C-alpha atoms as a PDB file:
ATOM      1  CA  UNK A   1     -77.628 172.297 -50.537  1.00  0.00           C
ATOM      2  CA  UNK A   2     -80.595 174.091 -52.119  1.00  0.00           C
ATOM      3  CA  UNK A   3     -78.823 177.415 -51.696  1.00  0.00           C
ATOM      4  CA  UNK A   4     -75.735 176.043 -53.424  1.00  0.00           C
ATOM      5  CA  UNK A   5     -77.898 174.824 -56.301  1.00  0.00           C
ATOM      6  CA  UNK A   6     -79.481 178.261 -56.678  1.00  0.00           C
ATOM      7  CA  UNK A   7     -76.044 179.892 -56.620  1.00  0.00           C
ATOM      8  CA  UNK A   8     -74.899 177.509 -59.333  1.00  0.00           C
ATOM      9  CA  UNK A   9     -77.848 178.470 -61.529  1.00  0.00           C
ATOM     10  CA  UNK A  10     -77.149 182.167 -61.023  1.00  0.00           C
ATOM     11  CA  UNK A  11     -73.492 181.712 -61.919  1.00  0.00           C
ATOM     12  CA  UNK A  12     -74.425 179.836 -65.092  1.00  0.00           C
ATOM     13  CA  UNK A  13     -76.873 182.567 -66.053  1.00  0.00           C
ATOM     14  CA  UNK A  14     -74.338 185.332 -65.430  1.00  0.00           C
ATOM     15  CA  UNK A  15     -71.626 183.532 -67.400  1.00  0.00           C
ATOM     16  CA  UNK A  16     -74.024 183.003 -70.300  1.00  0.00           C
ATOM     17  CA  UNK A  17     -75.005 186.682 -70.332  1.00  0.00           C
ATOM     18  CA  UNK A  18     -71.340 187.636 -70.121  1.00  0.00           C
ATOM     19  CA  UNK A  19     -70.609 185.394 -73.111  1.00  0.00           C
ATOM     20  CA  UNK A  20     -73.373 187.075 -75.125  1.00  0.00           C
ATOM     21  CA  UNK A  21     -72.070 190.522 -74.142  1.00  0.00           C
ATOM     22  CA  UNK A  22     -68.568 189.717 -75.331  1.00  0.00           C
END
């Protein structure tokens, strides 16, 4: 469960950075 939570945070971070890039 903790690993899934961490993955979720990473995905959110990546998507946010991607949004800023575009």
